[in-house]
């Protein structure tokens, strides 16, 4: 049994989905924090043959549902995903208890919660 959640081949296939999530988060943060209007990210599922993409197509998920699904999955694939994006916009850090932000004695970051 493999010890990884996603094998290398599948990780390569889900990378465009994770890029879409990253672009979607950057879009919202740029709009909310900087007042910048960026282009709305687009996702092209027909170019992706990952199992996750097939699931999204089969279930006919809309953009909000796709983002929610990816937000639920990404901490298990890349635990520092959200921290990296948020730190681009808030280099001095910020506390976000709503989705796992925590400031401890020796740690400040996002700990994904179930």
N, C-alpha and C. Protein backbone atom coordinates (compact mmCIF):
# COMPACT_ATOMS: atom_id res chain seq x y z
N UNK A 1 0.84 -1.18 0.00
CA UNK A 1 0.00 0.00 0.00
C UNK A 1 0.89 1.24 0.00
N UNK A 2 0.55 2.22 -0.84
CA UNK A 2 1.34 3.44 -0.91
C UNK A 2 1.03 4.33 0.29
N UNK A 3 2.06 5.04 0.73
CA UNK A 3 1.88 5.89 1.89
C UNK A 3 1.48 7.32 1.52
N UNK A 4 1.40 7.62 0.24
CA UNK A 4 1.04 8.97 -0.16
C UNK A 4 -0.42 9.03 -0.59
N UNK A 5 -1.02 10.19 -0.37
CA UNK A 5 -2.41 10.38 -0.76
C UNK A 5 -2.55 10.48 -2.28
N UNK A 6 -1.56 11.10 -2.92
CA UNK A 6 -1.59 11.31 -4.36
C UNK A 6 -0.26 10.87 -4.92
N UNK A 7 -0.28 9.97 -5.91
CA UNK A 7 0.98 9.55 -6.52
C UNK A 7 1.48 10.65 -7.46
N UNK A 8 2.72 10.53 -7.91
CA UNK A 8 3.34 11.58 -8.73
C UNK A 8 2.56 11.86 -10.00
N UNK A 9 2.10 10.82 -10.67
CA UNK A 9 1.35 11.00 -11.91
C UNK A 9 0.05 11.76 -11.66
N UNK A 10 -0.66 11.37 -10.62
CA UNK A 10 -1.92 12.05 -10.29
C UNK A 10 -1.65 13.48 -9.82
N UNK A 11 -0.54 13.70 -9.12
CA UNK A 11 -0.20 15.05 -8.66
C UNK A 11 0.02 15.97 -9.85
N UNK A 12 0.69 15.47 -10.87
CA UNK A 12 0.89 16.27 -12.08
C UNK A 12 -0.46 16.60 -12.71
N UNK A 13 -1.38 15.64 -12.69
CA UNK A 13 -2.70 15.85 -13.29
C UNK A 13 -3.55 16.84 -12.50
N UNK A 14 -3.40 16.88 -11.17
CA UNK A 14 -4.22 17.81 -10.38
C UNK A 14 -3.58 19.19 -10.26
N UNK A 15 -2.35 19.35 -10.72
CA UNK A 15 -1.68 20.64 -10.64
C UNK A 15 -2.49 21.77 -11.29
N UNK A 16 -3.09 21.57 -12.48
CA UNK A 16 -3.92 22.65 -13.04
C UNK A 16 -5.11 23.01 -12.14
N UNK A 17 -5.66 22.03 -11.45
CA UNK A 17 -6.77 22.31 -10.53
C UNK A 17 -6.28 23.14 -9.35
N UNK A 18 -5.10 22.80 -8.83
CA UNK A 18 -4.53 23.57 -7.72
C UNK A 18 -4.14 24.98 -8.17
N UNK A 19 -3.67 25.10 -9.40
CA UNK A 19 -3.37 26.43 -9.94
C UNK A 19 -4.64 27.27 -10.06
N UNK A 20 -5.73 26.63 -10.45
CA UNK A 20 -7.01 27.32 -10.52
C UNK A 20 -7.42 27.81 -9.13
N UNK A 21 -7.26 26.96 -8.12
CA UNK A 21 -7.60 27.36 -6.76
C UNK A 21 -6.72 28.52 -6.31
N UNK A 22 -5.43 28.42 -6.59
CA UNK A 22 -4.50 29.50 -6.22
C UNK A 22 -4.90 30.81 -6.91
N UNK A 23 -5.21 30.74 -8.20
CA UNK A 23 -5.62 31.94 -8.94
C UNK A 23 -6.93 32.50 -8.40
N UNK A 24 -7.84 31.63 -8.00
CA UNK A 24 -9.13 32.07 -7.45
C UNK A 24 -8.93 32.79 -6.12
N UNK A 25 -8.06 32.25 -5.28
CA UNK A 25 -7.78 32.89 -3.99
C UNK A 25 -7.06 34.22 -4.21
N UNK A 26 -6.09 34.23 -5.10
CA UNK A 26 -5.38 35.49 -5.40
C UNK A 26 -6.35 36.54 -5.97
N UNK A 27 -7.27 36.10 -6.80
CA UNK A 27 -8.28 37.00 -7.36
C UNK A 27 -9.06 37.68 -6.25
N UNK A 28 -9.55 36.88 -5.31
CA UNK A 28 -10.36 37.44 -4.21
C UNK A 28 -9.54 38.33 -3.29
N UNK A 29 -8.33 37.89 -2.93
CA UNK A 29 -7.50 38.69 -2.04
C UNK A 29 -7.06 39.99 -2.70
N UNK A 30 -6.74 39.94 -3.99
CA UNK A 30 -6.36 41.16 -4.71
C UNK A 30 -7.52 42.15 -4.73
N UNK A 31 -8.71 41.63 -4.94
CA UNK A 31 -9.90 42.47 -4.99
C UNK A 31 -10.20 43.06 -3.61
N UNK A 32 -10.21 42.22 -2.59
CA UNK A 32 -10.60 42.64 -1.24
C UNK A 32 -9.54 43.48 -0.54
N UNK A 33 -8.28 43.09 -0.64
CA UNK A 33 -7.22 43.75 0.12
C UNK A 33 -6.54 44.88 -0.63
N UNK A 34 -6.43 44.75 -1.94
CA UNK A 34 -5.69 45.74 -2.72
C UNK A 34 -6.58 46.58 -3.63
N UNK A 35 -7.84 46.18 -3.76
CA UNK A 35 -8.76 46.89 -4.64
C UNK A 35 -8.45 46.71 -6.12
N UNK A 36 -7.70 45.68 -6.45
CA UNK A 36 -7.33 45.41 -7.84
C UNK A 36 -8.36 44.50 -8.49
N UNK A 37 -8.68 44.78 -9.72
CA UNK A 37 -9.59 43.93 -10.49
C UNK A 37 -8.77 43.05 -11.43
N UNK A 38 -8.61 41.82 -11.09
CA UNK A 38 -7.92 40.86 -11.94
C UNK A 38 -8.94 40.11 -12.79
N UNK A 39 -8.46 39.43 -13.79
CA UNK A 39 -9.34 38.59 -14.61
C UNK A 39 -9.82 37.41 -13.76
N UNK A 40 -11.09 37.07 -13.91
CA UNK A 40 -11.65 35.94 -13.18
C UNK A 40 -10.99 34.67 -13.69
N UNK A 41 -10.45 33.85 -12.79
CA UNK A 41 -9.79 32.61 -13.23
C UNK A 41 -10.77 31.67 -13.93
N UNK A 42 -10.26 30.99 -14.93
CA UNK A 42 -11.08 30.01 -15.65
C UNK A 42 -10.45 28.63 -15.50
N UNK A 43 -11.30 27.63 -15.46
CA UNK A 43 -10.86 26.25 -15.33
C UNK A 43 -11.30 25.49 -16.57
N UNK A 44 -10.35 24.82 -17.19
CA UNK A 44 -10.63 24.04 -18.39
C UNK A 44 -10.50 22.56 -18.06
N UNK A 45 -11.61 21.95 -17.71
CA UNK A 45 -11.59 20.55 -17.29
C UNK A 45 -11.36 19.59 -18.45
N UNK A 46 -11.71 20.00 -19.66
CA UNK A 46 -11.55 19.11 -20.80
C UNK A 46 -10.09 18.82 -21.11
N UNK A 47 -9.18 19.62 -20.57
CA UNK A 47 -7.75 19.41 -20.79
C UNK A 47 -7.10 18.59 -19.68
N UNK A 48 -7.90 18.13 -18.74
CA UNK A 48 -7.36 17.46 -17.56
C UNK A 48 -7.98 16.07 -17.44
N UNK A 49 -7.13 15.07 -17.28
CA UNK A 49 -7.66 13.70 -17.18
C UNK A 49 -7.46 13.09 -15.80
N UNK A 50 -7.31 13.91 -14.78
CA UNK A 50 -7.14 13.38 -13.43
C UNK A 50 -8.46 12.80 -12.93
N UNK A 51 -8.37 11.93 -11.95
CA UNK A 51 -9.58 11.36 -11.35
C UNK A 51 -10.45 12.45 -10.73
N UNK A 52 -9.81 13.43 -10.15
CA UNK A 52 -10.55 14.54 -9.55
C UNK A 52 -11.31 15.33 -10.61
N UNK A 53 -10.68 15.58 -11.72
CA UNK A 53 -11.34 16.29 -12.82
C UNK A 53 -12.52 15.48 -13.36
N UNK A 54 -12.33 14.18 -13.48
CA UNK A 54 -13.41 13.31 -13.94
C UNK A 54 -14.59 13.36 -12.97
N UNK A 55 -14.30 13.37 -11.67
CA UNK A 55 -15.35 13.46 -10.66
C UNK A 55 -16.11 14.78 -10.79
N UNK A 56 -15.38 15.87 -10.95
CA UNK A 56 -15.99 17.20 -11.09
C UNK A 56 -16.92 17.23 -12.30
N UNK A 57 -16.47 16.66 -13.40
CA UNK A 57 -17.29 16.64 -14.61
C UNK A 57 -18.51 15.75 -14.44
N UNK A 58 -18.30 14.58 -13.84
CA UNK A 58 -19.40 13.63 -13.65
C UNK A 58 -20.50 14.23 -12.77
N UNK A 59 -20.09 14.91 -11.71
CA UNK A 59 -21.06 15.49 -10.77
C UNK A 59 -21.56 16.87 -11.20
N UNK A 60 -21.00 17.38 -12.30
CA UNK A 60 -21.40 18.69 -12.85
C UNK A 60 -21.32 19.80 -11.79
N UNK A 61 -20.18 19.86 -11.11
CA UNK A 61 -19.99 20.87 -10.06
C UNK A 61 -19.82 22.25 -10.68
N UNK A 62 -20.42 23.25 -10.04
CA UNK A 62 -20.22 24.62 -10.51
C UNK A 62 -18.92 25.17 -9.92
N UNK A 63 -18.56 26.40 -10.29
CA UNK A 63 -17.27 26.95 -9.89
C UNK A 63 -17.14 27.05 -8.37
N UNK A 64 -18.19 27.48 -7.68
CA UNK A 64 -18.13 27.58 -6.23
C UNK A 64 -17.94 26.21 -5.59
N UNK A 65 -18.62 25.21 -6.10
CA UNK A 65 -18.49 23.85 -5.56
C UNK A 65 -17.09 23.29 -5.81
N UNK A 66 -16.52 23.61 -6.96
CA UNK A 66 -15.16 23.15 -7.27
C UNK A 66 -14.17 23.78 -6.31
N UNK A 67 -14.31 25.08 -6.07
CA UNK A 67 -13.41 25.77 -5.14
C UNK A 67 -13.54 25.18 -3.74
N UNK A 68 -14.76 24.94 -3.31
CA UNK A 68 -14.98 24.36 -1.98
C UNK A 68 -14.36 22.97 -1.88
N UNK A 69 -14.55 22.16 -2.89
CA UNK A 69 -13.96 20.82 -2.92
C UNK A 69 -12.44 20.89 -2.85
N UNK A 70 -11.85 21.77 -3.66
CA UNK A 70 -10.40 21.91 -3.67
C UNK A 70 -9.87 22.43 -2.34
N UNK A 71 -10.60 23.36 -1.71
CA UNK A 71 -10.20 23.86 -0.39
C UNK A 71 -10.22 22.76 0.66
N UNK A 72 -11.13 21.81 0.51
CA UNK A 72 -11.20 20.70 1.45
C UNK A 72 -10.07 19.70 1.23
N UNK A 73 -9.64 19.55 -0.01
CA UNK A 73 -8.63 18.55 -0.35
C UNK A 73 -7.21 19.06 -0.19
N UNK A 74 -6.97 20.32 -0.53
CA UNK A 74 -5.60 20.84 -0.64
C UNK A 74 -4.77 20.71 0.64
N UNK A 75 -5.32 20.86 1.85
CA UNK A 75 -4.46 20.70 3.03
C UNK A 75 -3.88 19.30 3.18
N UNK A 76 -4.53 18.32 2.58
CA UNK A 76 -4.04 16.94 2.65
C UNK A 76 -2.97 16.67 1.61
N UNK A 77 -2.93 17.48 0.57
CA UNK A 77 -1.95 17.32 -0.50
C UNK A 77 -0.75 18.25 -0.28
N UNK A 78 -1.06 19.51 0.05
CA UNK A 78 -0.03 20.54 0.25
C UNK A 78 -0.40 21.35 1.49
N UNK A 79 0.04 20.93 2.66
CA UNK A 79 -0.36 21.60 3.91
C UNK A 79 -0.05 23.10 3.97
N UNK A 80 0.96 23.56 3.27
CA UNK A 80 1.34 24.98 3.33
C UNK A 80 0.71 25.82 2.21
N UNK A 81 -0.19 25.26 1.46
CA UNK A 81 -0.79 25.92 0.29
C UNK A 81 -1.40 27.28 0.65
N UNK A 82 -2.29 27.30 1.63
CA UNK A 82 -2.97 28.54 2.00
C UNK A 82 -2.02 29.54 2.64
N UNK A 83 -1.12 29.05 3.47
CA UNK A 83 -0.15 29.93 4.12
C UNK A 83 0.69 30.68 3.09
N UNK A 84 1.14 29.97 2.07
CA UNK A 84 1.96 30.60 1.04
C UNK A 84 1.21 31.71 0.31
N UNK A 85 -0.04 31.47 -0.02
CA UNK A 85 -0.82 32.47 -0.76
C UNK A 85 -1.11 33.68 0.13
N UNK A 86 -1.56 33.42 1.35
CA UNK A 86 -1.90 34.52 2.25
C UNK A 86 -0.67 35.36 2.56
N UNK A 87 0.49 34.72 2.71
CA UNK A 87 1.70 35.47 3.04
C UNK A 87 2.15 36.39 1.91
N UNK A 88 1.72 36.12 0.68
CA UNK A 88 2.00 37.03 -0.43
C UNK A 88 1.31 38.38 -0.21
N UNK A 89 0.13 38.34 0.38
CA UNK A 89 -0.66 39.54 0.57
C UNK A 89 -0.47 40.16 1.95
N UNK A 90 -0.14 39.34 2.92
CA UNK A 90 0.08 39.81 4.29
C UNK A 90 1.43 39.29 4.78
N UNK A 91 2.52 39.88 4.31
CA UNK A 91 3.85 39.36 4.66
C UNK A 91 4.15 39.40 6.16
N UNK A 92 3.48 40.27 6.90
CA UNK A 92 3.69 40.33 8.35
C UNK A 92 2.78 39.37 9.10
N UNK A 93 2.03 38.61 8.37
CA UNK A 93 1.15 37.62 8.98
C UNK A 93 -0.22 38.18 9.31
N UNK A 94 -1.07 37.30 9.70
CA UNK A 94 -2.42 37.65 10.09
C UNK A 94 -3.01 36.46 10.81
N UNK A 95 -4.01 36.70 11.60
CA UNK A 95 -4.65 35.60 12.31
C UNK A 95 -5.99 35.31 11.65
N UNK A 96 -6.18 34.07 11.29
CA UNK A 96 -7.40 33.65 10.61
C UNK A 96 -7.98 32.42 11.29
N UNK A 97 -8.53 32.58 12.50
CA UNK A 97 -9.04 31.42 13.22
C UNK A 97 -10.18 30.72 12.49
N UNK A 98 -10.85 31.44 11.58
CA UNK A 98 -11.98 30.84 10.86
C UNK A 98 -11.57 29.63 10.05
N UNK A 99 -10.32 29.62 9.55
CA UNK A 99 -9.90 28.46 8.77
C UNK A 99 -8.56 27.90 9.22
N UNK A 100 -8.27 28.01 10.50
CA UNK A 100 -7.11 27.33 11.05
C UNK A 100 -5.91 28.21 11.34
N UNK A 101 -6.06 29.54 11.24
CA UNK A 101 -4.94 30.42 11.56
C UNK A 101 -4.65 30.38 13.05
N UNK A 102 -3.38 30.31 13.38
CA UNK A 102 -3.01 30.20 14.78
C UNK A 102 -1.67 30.88 15.01
N UNK A 103 -1.54 31.51 16.16
CA UNK A 103 -0.27 32.12 16.53
C UNK A 103 0.13 31.52 17.86
N UNK A 104 1.20 30.76 17.85
CA UNK A 104 1.69 30.14 19.07
C UNK A 104 3.02 30.74 19.48
N UNK A 105 3.62 30.15 20.49
CA UNK A 105 4.92 30.62 20.96
C UNK A 105 6.00 30.46 19.89
N UNK A 106 5.98 29.32 19.22
CA UNK A 106 7.01 29.01 18.23
C UNK A 106 6.47 28.81 16.83
N UNK A 107 5.21 29.15 16.63
CA UNK A 107 4.60 28.92 15.31
C UNK A 107 3.56 29.99 15.03
N UNK A 108 3.56 30.45 13.80
CA UNK A 108 2.49 31.33 13.32
C UNK A 108 2.18 30.88 11.91
N UNK A 109 0.98 30.44 11.69
CA UNK A 109 0.63 29.96 10.37
C UNK A 109 -0.77 29.39 10.36
N UNK A 110 -1.03 28.60 9.36
CA UNK A 110 -2.34 27.99 9.19
C UNK A 110 -2.21 26.50 9.40
N UNK A 111 -2.99 25.99 10.33
CA UNK A 111 -3.05 24.55 10.57
C UNK A 111 -4.41 24.09 10.10
N UNK A 112 -4.46 23.33 9.01
CA UNK A 112 -5.76 22.89 8.48
C UNK A 112 -6.53 22.09 9.53
N UNK A 113 -7.81 22.36 9.63
CA UNK A 113 -8.65 21.65 10.57
C UNK A 113 -9.71 20.87 9.82
N UNK A 114 -10.20 19.83 10.45
CA UNK A 114 -11.22 19.00 9.81
C UNK A 114 -12.59 19.51 10.11
